[in-house]
Amino acid sequence: MLPAGGLLFLACLAAWGLGRVRDNRAAAATRADAASPAASAAAPSPFADMVGEAGAGEGVDPFAIGATGANPVVGDEVWAAAEQLAAQAEVLYQSTLDAKAAGDRTLMVKQGKDAIQRFQTALEDSEPVELSLVAKHGETDPKARHVVRARKLWFQRVVWLHKSALH
């Protein structure tokens, strides 16, 4: 015969085990629903409200100056200068793509190196702006999100240029 404390312990252990079984079944059902094609087609994109998201896959650069309307980071000269520098780098990046398509390796390497230098300068100059916006307002703030996404795009351009244009 078990003491009362032992019975209480076994009852708690059984209740905990049943709760875990129910939780596991609910989680499995949720995963199965999420994996179905109908559920993924009906689910809205979590980034649908972000600036520049529409048309991003159609060759439109959502971070080009003027493409997204007013600059959300108004009044910050450092950010404005970095964005101008990145816009110049973007023009060089596009001409690098054109030179690559045309098979002009010399022009591709020259334009690619210039684009990398300008993107890297823009990234270095804009880092304090990103850090201060994220620290002050958090990552979900539209201004911080704009800066983070723009810098991420610039970094991706630099990576592509290093991999494709210089080798």
N, C-alpha and C. Protein backbone atom coordinates (compact mmCIF):
# COMPACT_ATOMS: atom_id res chain seq x y z
N MET A 1 0.85 -1.17 0.00
CA MET A 1 0.00 0.00 0.00
C MET A 1 0.89 1.23 0.00
N LEU A 2 0.58 2.16 -0.88
CA LEU A 2 1.36 3.39 -1.00
C LEU A 2 0.84 4.43 -0.01
N PRO A 3 1.74 5.23 0.53
CA PRO A 3 1.27 6.32 1.39
C PRO A 3 0.51 7.36 0.56
N ALA A 4 -0.18 8.23 1.21
CA ALA A 4 -1.00 9.25 0.54
C ALA A 4 -0.15 10.15 -0.35
N GLY A 5 1.03 10.48 0.08
CA GLY A 5 1.92 11.33 -0.71
C GLY A 5 2.32 10.64 -2.01
N GLY A 6 2.54 9.33 -1.96
CA GLY A 6 2.90 8.57 -3.15
C GLY A 6 1.76 8.51 -4.15
N LEU A 7 0.52 8.33 -3.62
CA LEU A 7 -0.65 8.33 -4.50
C LEU A 7 -0.85 9.68 -5.15
N LEU A 8 -0.65 10.74 -4.39
CA LEU A 8 -0.78 12.09 -4.93
C LEU A 8 0.25 12.33 -6.03
N PHE A 9 1.48 11.84 -5.80
CA PHE A 9 2.53 11.98 -6.79
C PHE A 9 2.17 11.24 -8.08
N LEU A 10 1.69 10.01 -7.97
CA LEU A 10 1.30 9.23 -9.13
C LEU A 10 0.14 9.88 -9.89
N ALA A 11 -0.82 10.46 -9.15
CA ALA A 11 -1.95 11.13 -9.80
C ALA A 11 -1.46 12.35 -10.58
N CYS A 12 -0.55 13.10 -9.99
CA CYS A 12 0.01 14.28 -10.68
C CYS A 12 0.80 13.86 -11.90
N LEU A 13 1.57 12.79 -11.77
CA LEU A 13 2.36 12.30 -12.88
C LEU A 13 1.46 11.84 -14.03
N ALA A 14 0.38 11.17 -13.72
CA ALA A 14 -0.56 10.72 -14.75
C ALA A 14 -1.23 11.90 -15.44
N ALA A 15 -1.63 12.90 -14.65
CA ALA A 15 -2.27 14.09 -15.23
C ALA A 15 -1.30 14.84 -16.15
N TRP A 16 -0.06 14.93 -15.73
CA TRP A 16 0.96 15.60 -16.54
C TRP A 16 1.17 14.84 -17.85
N GLY A 17 1.25 13.52 -17.78
CA GLY A 17 1.44 12.70 -18.97
C GLY A 17 0.29 12.83 -19.94
N LEU A 18 -0.95 12.85 -19.44
CA LEU A 18 -2.11 13.03 -20.31
C LEU A 18 -2.10 14.40 -20.98
N GLY A 19 -1.70 15.41 -20.24
CA GLY A 19 -1.61 16.76 -20.81
C GLY A 19 -0.60 16.83 -21.93
N ARG A 20 0.52 16.13 -21.76
CA ARG A 20 1.56 16.12 -22.79
C ARG A 20 1.07 15.41 -24.05
N VAL A 21 0.31 14.33 -23.86
CA VAL A 21 -0.22 13.60 -25.01
C VAL A 21 -1.17 14.50 -25.80
N ARG A 22 -2.04 15.22 -25.10
CA ARG A 22 -2.98 16.14 -25.77
C ARG A 22 -2.22 17.24 -26.50
N ASP A 23 -1.20 17.81 -25.83
CA ASP A 23 -0.41 18.87 -26.46
C ASP A 23 0.30 18.36 -27.71
N ASN A 24 0.84 17.14 -27.65
CA ASN A 24 1.54 16.57 -28.80
C ASN A 24 0.57 16.32 -29.95
N ARG A 25 -0.65 15.87 -29.64
CA ARG A 25 -1.63 15.64 -30.69
C ARG A 25 -2.04 16.96 -31.34
N ALA A 26 -2.24 17.99 -30.52
CA ALA A 26 -2.62 19.30 -31.06
C ALA A 26 -1.49 19.87 -31.93
N ALA A 27 -0.26 19.72 -31.48
CA ALA A 27 0.88 20.22 -32.25
C ALA A 27 1.02 19.47 -33.58
N ALA A 28 0.80 18.16 -33.55
CA ALA A 28 0.88 17.37 -34.78
C ALA A 28 -0.21 17.78 -35.75
N ALA A 29 -1.42 18.04 -35.24
CA ALA A 29 -2.51 18.48 -36.11
C ALA A 29 -2.20 19.84 -36.72
N THR A 30 -1.61 20.73 -35.94
CA THR A 30 -1.24 22.05 -36.44
C THR A 30 -0.17 21.93 -37.52
N ARG A 31 0.83 21.07 -37.30
CA ARG A 31 1.88 20.88 -38.30
C ARG A 31 1.31 20.27 -39.58
N ALA A 32 0.36 19.34 -39.44
CA ALA A 32 -0.24 18.72 -40.62
C ALA A 32 -1.05 19.75 -41.40
N ASP A 33 -1.78 20.62 -40.69
CA ASP A 33 -2.55 21.67 -41.37
C ASP A 33 -1.63 22.65 -42.07
N ALA A 34 -0.52 23.00 -41.43
CA ALA A 34 0.41 23.97 -42.01
C ALA A 34 1.13 23.38 -43.22
N ALA A 35 1.29 22.06 -43.25
CA ALA A 35 2.01 21.43 -44.34
C ALA A 35 1.14 21.25 -45.58
N SER A 36 -0.16 21.34 -45.44
CA SER A 36 -1.03 21.12 -46.58
C SER A 36 -0.94 22.30 -47.55
N PRO A 37 -0.97 22.04 -48.86
CA PRO A 37 -0.85 23.12 -49.85
C PRO A 37 -1.99 24.13 -49.75
N ALA A 38 -3.18 23.69 -49.41
CA ALA A 38 -4.31 24.61 -49.31
C ALA A 38 -4.10 25.61 -48.18
N ALA A 39 -3.53 25.15 -47.07
CA ALA A 39 -3.30 26.05 -45.95
C ALA A 39 -2.22 27.07 -46.27
N SER A 40 -1.18 26.64 -46.98
CA SER A 40 -0.11 27.58 -47.28
C SER A 40 -0.55 28.60 -48.33
N ALA A 41 -1.45 28.22 -49.22
CA ALA A 41 -1.92 29.15 -50.23
C ALA A 41 -2.85 30.19 -49.62
N ALA A 42 -3.62 29.80 -48.61
CA ALA A 42 -4.57 30.72 -48.00
C ALA A 42 -3.92 31.62 -46.96
N ALA A 43 -2.79 31.21 -46.41
CA ALA A 43 -2.15 31.99 -45.36
C ALA A 43 -1.53 33.26 -45.95
N PRO A 44 -1.83 34.43 -45.38
CA PRO A 44 -1.23 35.66 -45.90
C PRO A 44 0.24 35.73 -45.51
N SER A 45 0.99 36.43 -46.31
CA SER A 45 2.41 36.60 -46.03
C SER A 45 2.58 37.46 -44.78
N PRO A 46 3.47 37.07 -43.86
CA PRO A 46 3.69 37.90 -42.68
C PRO A 46 4.37 39.22 -43.03
N PHE A 47 4.87 39.34 -44.25
CA PHE A 47 5.56 40.56 -44.66
C PHE A 47 4.72 41.39 -45.62
N ALA A 48 3.44 41.08 -45.72
CA ALA A 48 2.59 41.76 -46.69
C ALA A 48 2.47 43.25 -46.42
N ASP A 49 2.59 43.67 -45.16
CA ASP A 49 2.44 45.08 -44.84
C ASP A 49 3.75 45.86 -44.97
N MET A 50 4.84 45.20 -45.33
CA MET A 50 6.13 45.87 -45.41
C MET A 50 6.24 46.68 -46.69
N VAL A 51 6.89 47.79 -46.61
CA VAL A 51 7.08 48.67 -47.76
C VAL A 51 7.93 47.97 -48.80
N GLY A 52 7.49 48.03 -50.05
CA GLY A 52 8.29 47.50 -51.13
C GLY A 52 8.11 46.02 -51.37
N GLU A 53 7.30 45.34 -50.61
CA GLU A 53 7.15 43.90 -50.76
C GLU A 53 6.43 43.55 -52.05
N ALA A 54 5.42 44.31 -52.43
CA ALA A 54 4.69 44.01 -53.65
C ALA A 54 5.58 44.33 -54.84
N GLY A 55 5.70 43.39 -55.73
CA GLY A 55 6.50 43.59 -56.93
C GLY A 55 7.97 43.34 -56.74
N ALA A 56 8.38 42.91 -55.54
CA ALA A 56 9.81 42.70 -55.31
C ALA A 56 10.36 41.59 -56.19
N GLY A 57 9.53 40.61 -56.52
CA GLY A 57 10.00 39.52 -57.35
C GLY A 57 9.88 39.83 -58.83
N GLU A 58 9.41 41.00 -59.18
CA GLU A 58 9.21 41.36 -60.58
C GLU A 58 10.28 42.29 -61.11
N GLY A 59 11.45 42.30 -60.49
CA GLY A 59 12.54 43.12 -60.96
C GLY A 59 12.49 44.55 -60.46
N VAL A 60 11.58 44.87 -59.56
CA VAL A 60 11.48 46.21 -59.02
C VAL A 60 12.34 46.27 -57.77
N ASP A 61 13.19 47.25 -57.68
CA ASP A 61 14.04 47.41 -56.50
C ASP A 61 13.29 48.22 -55.47
N PRO A 62 12.82 47.59 -54.37
CA PRO A 62 12.02 48.31 -53.40
C PRO A 62 12.82 49.34 -52.61
N PHE A 63 14.15 49.33 -52.72
CA PHE A 63 14.95 50.25 -51.92
C PHE A 63 15.59 51.35 -52.74
N ALA A 64 15.28 51.40 -54.01
CA ALA A 64 15.79 52.49 -54.82
C ALA A 64 15.16 53.79 -54.33
N ILE A 65 15.93 54.85 -54.33
CA ILE A 65 15.42 56.12 -53.84
C ILE A 65 14.23 56.54 -54.67
N GLY A 66 13.14 56.84 -54.03
CA GLY A 66 11.92 57.25 -54.69
C GLY A 66 11.00 56.09 -55.03
N ALA A 67 11.48 54.85 -54.99
CA ALA A 67 10.64 53.71 -55.36
C ALA A 67 9.58 53.43 -54.31
N THR A 68 9.88 53.73 -53.06
CA THR A 68 8.93 53.42 -51.99
C THR A 68 8.25 54.67 -51.46
N GLY A 69 8.31 55.75 -52.19
CA GLY A 69 7.70 56.98 -51.71
C GLY A 69 8.67 57.73 -50.83
N ALA A 70 8.14 58.35 -49.80
CA ALA A 70 8.96 59.17 -48.91
C ALA A 70 9.92 58.30 -48.11
N ASN A 71 11.09 58.82 -47.87
CA ASN A 71 12.09 58.13 -47.06
C ASN A 71 11.61 58.11 -45.62
N PRO A 72 11.44 56.93 -45.01
CA PRO A 72 10.95 56.90 -43.63
C PRO A 72 11.97 57.38 -42.61
N VAL A 73 13.24 57.47 -42.98
CA VAL A 73 14.26 57.92 -42.05
C VAL A 73 14.61 59.36 -42.40
N VAL A 74 13.67 60.25 -42.16
CA VAL A 74 13.82 61.66 -42.51
C VAL A 74 14.66 62.36 -41.43
N GLY A 75 15.52 63.25 -41.87
CA GLY A 75 16.28 64.07 -40.93
C GLY A 75 17.61 63.47 -40.53
N ASP A 76 17.97 62.33 -41.00
CA ASP A 76 19.24 61.72 -40.65
C ASP A 76 20.17 61.86 -41.85
N GLU A 77 21.12 62.80 -41.75
CA GLU A 77 22.02 63.07 -42.86
C GLU A 77 22.91 61.88 -43.17
N VAL A 78 23.32 61.15 -42.14
CA VAL A 78 24.19 59.99 -42.36
C VAL A 78 23.47 58.95 -43.20
N TRP A 79 22.20 58.69 -42.85
CA TRP A 79 21.43 57.71 -43.61
C TRP A 79 21.19 58.20 -45.04
N ALA A 80 20.88 59.48 -45.18
CA ALA A 80 20.62 60.03 -46.52
C ALA A 80 21.87 59.90 -47.39
N ALA A 81 23.04 60.18 -46.82
CA ALA A 81 24.28 60.06 -47.58
C ALA A 81 24.56 58.60 -47.94
N ALA A 82 24.32 57.69 -47.00
CA ALA A 82 24.53 56.27 -47.27
C ALA A 82 23.58 55.77 -48.34
N GLU A 83 22.35 56.26 -48.30
CA GLU A 83 21.36 55.84 -49.29
C GLU A 83 21.73 56.38 -50.69
N GLN A 84 22.25 57.61 -50.74
CA GLN A 84 22.70 58.17 -52.02
C GLN A 84 23.88 57.36 -52.58
N LEU A 85 24.80 57.01 -51.71
CA LEU A 85 25.95 56.22 -52.12
C LEU A 85 25.51 54.84 -52.62
N ALA A 86 24.54 54.25 -51.92
CA ALA A 86 24.01 52.95 -52.34
C ALA A 86 23.26 53.06 -53.66
N ALA A 87 22.62 54.19 -53.91
CA ALA A 87 21.93 54.39 -55.19
C ALA A 87 22.95 54.43 -56.33
N GLN A 88 24.09 55.10 -56.09
CA GLN A 88 25.16 55.11 -57.09
C GLN A 88 25.70 53.69 -57.31
N ALA A 89 25.86 52.97 -56.20
CA ALA A 89 26.36 51.59 -56.29
C ALA A 89 25.36 50.71 -57.04
N GLU A 90 24.07 50.97 -56.85
CA GLU A 90 23.04 50.19 -57.53
C GLU A 90 23.12 50.39 -59.05
N VAL A 91 23.40 51.62 -59.48
CA VAL A 91 23.57 51.88 -60.92
C VAL A 91 24.77 51.09 -61.44
N LEU A 92 25.86 51.09 -60.68
CA LEU A 92 27.04 50.32 -61.09
C LEU A 92 26.74 48.83 -61.08
N TYR A 93 25.96 48.38 -60.12
CA TYR A 93 25.56 46.97 -60.03
C TYR A 93 24.77 46.56 -61.28
N GLN A 94 23.82 47.41 -61.66
CA GLN A 94 23.03 47.11 -62.85
C GLN A 94 23.89 47.09 -64.11
N SER A 95 24.86 48.01 -64.20
CA SER A 95 25.74 48.01 -65.37
C SER A 95 26.66 46.79 -65.33
N THR A 96 26.98 46.29 -64.13
CA THR A 96 27.76 45.05 -64.02
C THR A 96 26.95 43.88 -64.57
N LEU A 97 25.67 43.84 -64.23
CA LEU A 97 24.80 42.79 -64.76
C LEU A 97 24.71 42.87 -66.28
N ASP A 98 24.59 44.09 -66.80
CA ASP A 98 24.52 44.27 -68.25
C ASP A 98 25.82 43.83 -68.93
N ALA A 99 26.96 44.19 -68.32
CA ALA A 99 28.26 43.80 -68.88
C ALA A 99 28.43 42.29 -68.84
N LYS A 100 27.94 41.67 -67.78
CA LYS A 100 28.03 40.21 -67.69
C LYS A 100 27.19 39.56 -68.78
N ALA A 101 25.98 40.09 -68.99
CA ALA A 101 25.10 39.55 -70.03
C ALA A 101 25.70 39.74 -71.42
N ALA A 102 26.42 40.84 -71.61
CA ALA A 102 27.04 41.12 -72.91
C ALA A 102 28.37 40.39 -73.08
N GLY A 103 28.89 39.80 -72.00
CA GLY A 103 30.15 39.08 -72.09
C GLY A 103 31.37 39.97 -72.00
N ASP A 104 31.20 41.22 -71.57
CA ASP A 104 32.32 42.17 -71.45
C ASP A 104 32.94 42.03 -70.05
N ARG A 105 33.89 41.12 -69.94
CA ARG A 105 34.48 40.81 -68.63
C ARG A 105 35.23 42.00 -68.04
N THR A 106 35.94 42.75 -68.84
CA THR A 106 36.72 43.89 -68.34
C THR A 106 35.81 44.93 -67.70
N LEU A 107 34.76 45.29 -68.40
CA LEU A 107 33.82 46.27 -67.85
C LEU A 107 33.10 45.71 -66.63
N MET A 108 32.76 44.42 -66.67
CA MET A 108 32.07 43.80 -65.54
C MET A 108 32.92 43.89 -64.27
N VAL A 109 34.20 43.57 -64.39
CA VAL A 109 35.09 43.61 -63.22
C VAL A 109 35.27 45.04 -62.72
N LYS A 110 35.47 46.00 -63.63
CA LYS A 110 35.65 47.40 -63.23
C LYS A 110 34.41 47.93 -62.53
N GLN A 111 33.25 47.74 -63.16
CA GLN A 111 32.00 48.24 -62.55
C GLN A 111 31.71 47.50 -61.24
N GLY A 112 32.00 46.21 -61.21
CA GLY A 112 31.76 45.42 -60.00
C GLY A 112 32.60 45.90 -58.83
N LYS A 113 33.87 46.19 -59.08
CA LYS A 113 34.74 46.69 -58.01
C LYS A 113 34.27 48.04 -57.49
N ASP A 114 33.87 48.92 -58.40
CA ASP A 114 33.36 50.23 -57.97
C ASP A 114 32.07 50.07 -57.16
N ALA A 115 31.20 49.19 -57.60
CA ALA A 115 29.94 48.97 -56.88
C ALA A 115 30.21 48.41 -55.49
N ILE A 116 31.13 47.45 -55.40
CA ILE A 116 31.46 46.87 -54.09
C ILE A 116 31.97 47.95 -53.15
N GLN A 117 32.87 48.79 -53.63
CA GLN A 117 33.45 49.84 -52.78
C GLN A 117 32.36 50.77 -52.27
N ARG A 118 31.44 51.16 -53.11
CA ARG A 118 30.38 52.09 -52.69
C ARG A 118 29.37 51.41 -51.77
N PHE A 119 29.00 50.17 -52.08
CA PHE A 119 28.09 49.47 -51.17
C PHE A 119 28.73 49.28 -49.80
N GLN A 120 30.01 48.93 -49.77
CA GLN A 120 30.68 48.71 -48.49
C GLN A 120 30.78 50.01 -47.69
N THR A 121 31.05 51.11 -48.36
CA THR A 121 31.09 52.40 -47.66
C THR A 121 29.71 52.74 -47.12
N ALA A 122 28.67 52.51 -47.91
CA ALA A 122 27.31 52.78 -47.45
C ALA A 122 26.96 51.90 -46.26
N LEU A 123 27.39 50.64 -46.29
CA LEU A 123 27.12 49.73 -45.17
C LEU A 123 27.85 50.19 -43.91
N GLU A 124 29.11 50.57 -44.05
CA GLU A 124 29.88 51.03 -42.89
C GLU A 124 29.30 52.32 -42.31
N ASP A 125 28.93 53.25 -43.19
CA ASP A 125 28.41 54.53 -42.72
C ASP A 125 27.04 54.40 -42.07
N SER A 126 26.22 53.46 -42.55
CA SER A 126 24.85 53.35 -42.05
C SER A 126 24.70 52.42 -40.85
N GLU A 127 25.75 51.73 -40.48
CA GLU A 127 25.64 50.81 -39.34
C GLU A 127 25.22 51.51 -38.05
N PRO A 128 25.81 52.67 -37.67
CA PRO A 128 25.37 53.33 -36.45
C PRO A 128 23.89 53.74 -36.49
N VAL A 129 23.40 54.09 -37.68
CA VAL A 129 21.99 54.47 -37.82
C VAL A 129 21.11 53.27 -37.51
N GLU A 130 21.46 52.12 -38.08
CA GLU A 130 20.67 50.91 -37.82
C GLU A 130 20.70 50.54 -36.35
N LEU A 131 21.88 50.54 -35.76
CA LEU A 131 22.00 50.16 -34.35
C LEU A 131 21.21 51.09 -33.44
N SER A 132 21.26 52.39 -33.71
CA SER A 132 20.54 53.32 -32.85
C SER A 132 19.03 53.21 -33.03
N LEU A 133 18.56 53.02 -34.27
CA LEU A 133 17.11 52.87 -34.50
C LEU A 133 16.58 51.60 -33.84
N VAL A 134 17.30 50.50 -33.98
CA VAL A 134 16.85 49.25 -33.39
C VAL A 134 16.88 49.35 -31.86
N ALA A 135 17.92 49.98 -31.32
CA ALA A 135 18.00 50.11 -29.87
C ALA A 135 16.92 51.04 -29.33
N LYS A 136 16.62 52.09 -30.06
CA LYS A 136 15.67 53.09 -29.60
C LYS A 136 14.22 52.66 -29.80
N HIS A 137 13.92 52.07 -30.97
CA HIS A 137 12.53 51.79 -31.33
C HIS A 137 12.19 50.31 -31.44
N GLY A 138 13.18 49.44 -31.49
CA GLY A 138 12.94 48.02 -31.66
C GLY A 138 12.95 47.62 -33.12
N GLU A 139 13.01 46.31 -33.36
CA GLU A 139 13.13 45.80 -34.72
C GLU A 139 11.84 45.90 -35.52
N THR A 140 10.71 46.08 -34.86
CA THR A 140 9.44 46.12 -35.58
C THR A 140 9.05 47.52 -36.03
N ASP A 141 9.81 48.52 -35.62
CA ASP A 141 9.54 49.89 -36.02
C ASP A 141 9.74 50.03 -37.53
N PRO A 142 8.82 50.72 -38.23
CA PRO A 142 8.95 50.85 -39.69
C PRO A 142 10.27 51.47 -40.14
N LYS A 143 10.76 52.47 -39.41
CA LYS A 143 12.03 53.09 -39.79
C LYS A 143 13.17 52.09 -39.65
N ALA A 144 13.20 51.39 -38.52
CA ALA A 144 14.27 50.41 -38.29
C ALA A 144 14.18 49.29 -39.32
N ARG A 145 12.96 48.84 -39.61
CA ARG A 145 12.77 47.78 -40.60
C ARG A 145 13.26 48.21 -41.97
N HIS A 146 12.99 49.45 -42.34
CA HIS A 146 13.44 49.96 -43.63
C HIS A 146 14.97 49.95 -43.71
N VAL A 147 15.61 50.43 -42.67
CA VAL A 147 17.07 50.49 -42.66
C VAL A 147 17.66 49.08 -42.68
N VAL A 148 17.12 48.19 -41.87
CA VAL A 148 17.64 46.82 -41.81
C VAL A 148 17.48 46.13 -43.15
N ARG A 149 16.34 46.27 -43.77
CA ARG A 149 16.09 45.62 -45.06
C ARG A 149 16.96 46.21 -46.16
N ALA A 150 17.14 47.52 -46.16
CA ALA A 150 17.98 48.15 -47.17
C ALA A 150 19.43 47.69 -47.02
N ARG A 151 19.93 47.68 -45.79
CA ARG A 151 21.31 47.25 -45.56
C ARG A 151 21.50 45.78 -45.91
N LYS A 152 20.48 44.97 -45.65
CA LYS A 152 20.56 43.56 -46.00
C LYS A 152 20.66 43.40 -47.53
N LEU A 153 19.89 44.18 -48.26
CA LEU A 153 19.95 44.13 -49.72
C LEU A 153 21.34 44.55 -50.21
N TRP A 154 21.88 45.61 -49.63
CA TRP A 154 23.21 46.07 -50.03
C TRP A 154 24.25 44.97 -49.78
N PHE A 155 24.14 44.33 -48.63
CA PHE A 155 25.08 43.26 -48.30
C PHE A 155 24.94 42.11 -49.28
N GLN A 156 23.71 41.76 -49.64
CA GLN A 156 23.51 40.70 -50.62
C GLN A 156 24.10 41.06 -51.98
N ARG A 157 24.02 42.33 -52.34
CA ARG A 157 24.61 42.77 -53.60
C ARG A 157 26.14 42.59 -53.55
N VAL A 158 26.75 42.97 -52.42
CA VAL A 158 28.20 42.83 -52.27
C VAL A 158 28.60 41.37 -52.39
N VAL A 159 27.87 40.50 -51.73
CA VAL A 159 28.18 39.06 -51.79
C VAL A 159 28.08 38.57 -53.22
N TRP A 160 27.00 38.93 -53.93
CA TRP A 160 26.85 38.49 -55.31
C TRP A 160 28.00 39.00 -56.17
N LEU A 161 28.35 40.28 -56.00
CA LEU A 161 29.42 40.86 -56.80
C LEU A 161 30.75 40.14 -56.54
N HIS A 162 31.03 39.82 -55.28
CA HIS A 162 32.26 39.08 -54.98
C HIS A 162 32.26 37.70 -55.64
N LYS A 163 31.11 37.04 -55.61
CA LYS A 163 31.04 35.68 -56.16
C LYS A 163 31.00 35.66 -57.68
N SER A 164 30.29 36.60 -58.27
CA SER A 164 30.01 36.51 -59.71
C SER A 164 30.84 37.45 -60.57
N ALA A 165 31.02 38.67 -60.12
CA ALA A 165 31.65 39.66 -60.98
C ALA A 165 33.17 39.65 -60.90
N LEU A 166 33.71 39.15 -59.82
CA LEU A 166 35.15 39.22 -59.67
C LEU A 166 35.83 37.88 -59.88
N HIS A 167 35.08 36.85 -60.21
CA HIS A 167 35.68 35.54 -60.44
C HIS A 167 35.31 34.97 -61.77
